[in-house]
Amino acid sequence: MDSRIRLNFVKYTLLEFALAAFLLVSIYWLFGDNPQSLPTIGLMFSAVAVLKVVTLWWQFRNRSFEISNNHVCFDGHACDIKLQGSILPFGICSVIKLSYTKGAMQKRNIYLPKGAMNQDEWKRILACRA
């Protein structure tokens, strides 16, 4: 069974900005009445969120990501899959590490967050682990 895996960049972008907003509100709550550096911190959190989304989009632009014969392939290269540990409950902020070799001994890694795809595709990818 061959099937392409679709990433949901809109969902991932919204989750990243929601995390940035949560962190910003938490910092505001901690500092109380003296939020002098709050705009700077908010800008940094937003910049990190944008950077993460653009980096993931750049890695997957014009490339195929699919499951073929119970193996995950990225741009025609077979991938090793490793689930990175998550310290939060329910797998929040979980990440899959996709490792593949391109050319002669050029190992590449892609870190794919759980928020970038739906739950069914996440389970299908995890089922392909060796």
C-alpha atoms as a PDB file:
ATOM      1  CA  MET A   1       0.000   0.000   0.000  1.00  0.00           C
ATOM      2  CA  ASP A   2       1.539   3.274  -1.121  1.00  0.00           C
ATOM      3  CA  SER A   3       0.298   6.527   0.351  1.00  0.00           C
ATOM      4  CA  ARG A   4       1.516  10.078   0.678  1.00  0.00           C
ATOM      5  CA  ILE A   5       1.604  11.732   4.052  1.00  0.00           C
ATOM      6  CA  ARG A   6       0.200  15.229   4.166  1.00  0.00           C
ATOM      7  CA  LEU A   7       1.423  17.769   6.660  1.00  0.00           C
ATOM      8  CA  ASN A   8      -0.956  20.372   8.029  1.00  0.00           C
ATOM      9  CA  PHE A   9       1.087  23.568   8.177  1.00  0.00           C
ATOM     10  CA  VAL A  10      -1.897  25.725   9.168  1.00  0.00           C
ATOM     11  CA  LYS A  11      -2.568  23.596  12.248  1.00  0.00           C
ATOM     12  CA  TYR A  12       1.132  23.530  13.111  1.00  0.00           C
ATOM     13  CA  THR A  13       1.426  27.308  12.741  1.00  0.00           C
ATOM     14  CA  LEU A  14      -1.579  27.897  14.980  1.00  0.00           C
ATOM     15  CA  LEU A  15      -0.230  25.499  17.609  1.00  0.00           C
ATOM     16  CA  GLU A  16       3.159  27.224  17.628  1.00  0.00           C
ATOM     17  CA  PHE A  17       1.601  30.672  18.049  1.00  0.00           C
ATOM     18  CA  ALA A  18      -0.754  29.355  20.748  1.00  0.00           C
ATOM     19  CA  LEU A  19       2.284  28.031  22.616  1.00  0.00           C
ATOM     20  CA  ALA A  20       4.020  31.401  22.224  1.00  0.00           C
ATOM     21  CA  ALA A  21       0.915  33.206  23.527  1.00  0.00           C
ATOM     22  CA  PHE A  22       0.675  30.826  26.484  1.00  0.00           C
ATOM     23  CA  LEU A  23       4.315  31.423  27.372  1.00  0.00           C
ATOM     24  CA  LEU A  24       3.845  35.175  27.034  1.00  0.00           C
ATOM     25  CA  VAL A  25       0.803  35.156  29.342  1.00  0.00           C
ATOM     26  CA  SER A  26       2.733  33.011  31.830  1.00  0.00           C
ATOM     27  CA  ILE A  27       5.623  35.470  31.865  1.00  0.00           C
ATOM     28  CA  TYR A  28       3.204  38.376  32.276  1.00  0.00           C
ATOM     29  CA  TRP A  29       1.623  36.569  35.219  1.00  0.00           C
ATOM     30  CA  LEU A  30       5.046  35.927  36.785  1.00  0.00           C
ATOM     31  CA  PHE A  31       6.304  39.507  36.433  1.00  0.00           C
ATOM     32  CA  GLY A  32       3.053  41.038  37.615  1.00  0.00           C
ATOM     33  CA  ASP A  33       2.966  44.832  37.438  1.00  0.00           C
ATOM     34  CA  ASN A  34       6.349  45.346  35.780  1.00  0.00           C
ATOM     35  CA  PRO A  35       6.101  43.993  32.202  1.00  0.00           C
ATOM     36  CA  GLN A  36       8.795  46.258  30.707  1.00  0.00           C
ATOM     37  CA  SER A  37      10.449  43.571  28.625  1.00  0.00           C
ATOM     38  CA  LEU A  38       7.195  41.833  27.670  1.00  0.00           C
ATOM     39  CA  PRO A  39       7.113  43.164  24.059  1.00  0.00           C
ATOM     40  CA  THR A  40      10.690  42.015  23.489  1.00  0.00           C
ATOM     41  CA  ILE A  41       9.991  38.572  24.909  1.00  0.00           C
ATOM     42  CA  GLY A  42       6.801  38.327  22.839  1.00  0.00           C
ATOM     43  CA  LEU A  43       8.720  39.213  19.698  1.00  0.00           C
ATOM     44  CA  MET A  44      11.312  36.543  20.466  1.00  0.00           C
ATOM     45  CA  PHE A  45       8.650  33.859  21.035  1.00  0.00           C
ATOM     46  CA  SER A  46       6.886  34.836  17.808  1.00  0.00           C
ATOM     47  CA  ALA A  47      10.147  34.835  15.857  1.00  0.00           C
ATOM     48  CA  VAL A  48      10.971  31.344  17.121  1.00  0.00           C
ATOM     49  CA  ALA A  49       7.504  30.098  16.124  1.00  0.00           C
ATOM     50  CA  VAL A  50       7.849  31.567  12.627  1.00  0.00           C
ATOM     51  CA  LEU A  51      11.348  30.125  12.282  1.00  0.00           C
ATOM     52  CA  LYS A  52      10.171  26.628  13.248  1.00  0.00           C
ATOM     53  CA  VAL A  53       7.275  26.692  10.772  1.00  0.00           C
ATOM     54  CA  VAL A  54       9.364  28.084   7.905  1.00  0.00           C
ATOM     55  CA  THR A  55      12.157  25.575   8.552  1.00  0.00           C
ATOM     56  CA  LEU A  56       9.736  22.644   8.424  1.00  0.00           C
ATOM     57  CA  TRP A  57       8.074  24.019   5.296  1.00  0.00           C
ATOM     58  CA  TRP A  58      11.482  24.532   3.635  1.00  0.00           C
ATOM     59  CA  GLN A  59      12.498  20.939   4.318  1.00  0.00           C
ATOM     60  CA  PHE A  60       9.289  19.537   2.812  1.00  0.00           C
ATOM     61  CA  ARG A  61       8.783  21.883  -0.137  1.00  0.00           C
ATOM     62  CA  ASN A  62       8.703  20.097  -3.497  1.00  0.00           C
ATOM     63  CA  ARG A  63       9.583  16.775  -1.873  1.00  0.00           C
ATOM     64  CA  SER A  64       7.579  13.630  -1.378  1.00  0.00           C
ATOM     65  CA  PHE A  65       6.915  12.104   2.009  1.00  0.00           C
ATOM     66  CA  GLU A  66       5.179   8.742   1.838  1.00  0.00           C
ATOM     67  CA  ILE A  67       4.771   5.268   3.236  1.00  0.00           C
ATOM     68  CA  SER A  68       5.703   2.569   0.755  1.00  0.00           C
ATOM     69  CA  ASN A  69       5.730  -1.147   1.622  1.00  0.00           C
ATOM     70  CA  ASN A  70       5.562  -0.357   5.340  1.00  0.00           C
ATOM     71  CA  HIS A  71       8.614   1.941   5.132  1.00  0.00           C
ATOM     72  CA  VAL A  72       8.644   5.706   5.421  1.00  0.00           C
ATOM     73  CA  CYS A  73      10.364   7.363   2.464  1.00  0.00           C
ATOM     74  CA  PHE A  74      11.407  10.983   2.183  1.00  0.00           C
ATOM     75  CA  ASP A  75      12.228  12.154  -1.326  1.00  0.00           C
ATOM     76  CA  GLY A  76      12.872   8.558  -2.407  1.00  0.00           C
ATOM     77  CA  HIS A  77      15.190   7.728   0.518  1.00  0.00           C
ATOM     78  CA  ALA A  78      14.182   5.180   3.151  1.00  0.00           C
ATOM     79  CA  CYS A  79      14.043   6.680   6.642  1.00  0.00           C
ATOM     80  CA  ASP A  80      14.815   5.374  10.090  1.00  0.00           C
ATOM     81  CA  ILE A  81      12.187   6.532  12.558  1.00  0.00           C
ATOM     82  CA  LYS A  82      12.745   7.283  16.211  1.00  0.00           C
ATOM     83  CA  LEU A  83      10.195   8.742  18.601  1.00  0.00           C
ATOM     84  CA  GLN A  84      11.815  11.441  20.699  1.00  0.00           C
ATOM     85  CA  GLY A  85      10.694  11.410  24.311  1.00  0.00           C
ATOM     86  CA  SER A  86       8.113  13.868  25.513  1.00  0.00           C
ATOM     87  CA  ILE A  87       7.917  15.037  29.100  1.00  0.00           C
ATOM     88  CA  LEU A  88       4.342  16.276  28.724  1.00  0.00           C
ATOM     89  CA  PRO A  89       1.296  14.011  29.087  1.00  0.00           C
ATOM     90  CA  PHE A  90      -0.769  12.765  26.121  1.00  0.00           C
ATOM     91  CA  GLY A  91       2.202  13.080  23.775  1.00  0.00           C
ATOM     92  CA  ILE A  92       1.989  16.863  23.651  1.00  0.00           C
ATOM     93  CA  CYS A  93       5.041  18.293  21.865  1.00  0.00           C
ATOM     94  CA  SER A  94       6.176  14.833  20.745  1.00  0.00           C
ATOM     95  CA  VAL A  95       8.621  14.706  17.859  1.00  0.00           C
ATOM     96  CA  ILE A  96       9.581  11.990  15.385  1.00  0.00           C
ATOM     97  CA  LYS A  97      13.171  11.974  14.192  1.00  0.00           C
ATOM     98  CA  LEU A  98      13.454  10.908  10.546  1.00  0.00           C
ATOM     99  CA  SER A  99      17.001   9.907   9.598  1.00  0.00           C
ATOM    100  CA  TYR A 100      18.045   9.143   6.052  1.00  0.00           C
ATOM    101  CA  THR A 101      21.287   8.886   4.109  1.00  0.00           C
ATOM    102  CA  LYS A 102      21.740  11.004   1.023  1.00  0.00           C
ATOM    103  CA  GLY A 103      24.724  10.385  -1.172  1.00  0.00           C
ATOM    104  CA  ALA A 104      27.877   8.891   0.241  1.00  0.00           C
ATOM    105  CA  MET A 105      27.681   8.917   4.018  1.00  0.00           C
ATOM    106  CA  GLN A 106      25.671  12.138   4.301  1.00  0.00           C
ATOM    107  CA  LYS A 107      23.224  11.449   7.088  1.00  0.00           C
ATOM    108  CA  ARG A 108      20.359  13.915   7.348  1.00  0.00           C
ATOM    109  CA  ASN A 109      17.820  14.301  10.141  1.00  0.00           C
ATOM    110  CA  ILE A 110      14.383  15.854  10.084  1.00  0.00           C
ATOM    111  CA  TYR A 111      12.449  16.445  13.269  1.00  0.00           C
ATOM    112  CA  LEU A 112       8.730  16.151  12.592  1.00  0.00           C
ATOM    113  CA  PRO A 113       6.424  17.458  15.350  1.00  0.00           C
ATOM    114  CA  LYS A 114       3.165  15.764  16.204  1.00  0.00           C
ATOM    115  CA  GLY A 115       1.228  18.975  15.620  1.00  0.00           C
ATOM    116  CA  ALA A 116       2.181  19.016  11.933  1.00  0.00           C
ATOM    117  CA  MET A 117      -0.061  16.075  11.017  1.00  0.00           C
ATOM    118  CA  ASN A 118      -3.313  14.493  12.042  1.00  0.00           C
ATOM    119  CA  GLN A 119      -3.549  11.668  14.564  1.00  0.00           C
ATOM    120  CA  ASP A 120      -4.147   8.883  12.014  1.00  0.00           C
ATOM    121  CA  GLU A 121      -1.033   9.697   9.998  1.00  0.00           C
ATOM    122  CA  TRP A 122       1.000  10.026  13.206  1.00  0.00           C
ATOM    123  CA  LYS A 123      -0.021   6.472  14.153  1.00  0.00           C
ATOM    124  CA  ARG A 124       0.729   5.173  10.643  1.00  0.00           C
ATOM    125  CA  ILE A 125       4.251   6.593  10.792  1.00  0.00           C
ATOM    126  CA  LEU A 126       4.862   5.165  14.257  1.00  0.00           C
ATOM    127  CA  ALA A 127       3.654   1.762  13.035  1.00  0.00           C
ATOM    128  CA  CYS A 128       6.493   1.752  10.479  1.00  0.00           C
ATOM    129  CA  ARG A 129       9.225   1.887  13.107  1.00  0.00           C
ATOM    130  CA  ALA A 130      11.677  -1.001  12.979  1.00  0.00           C
END
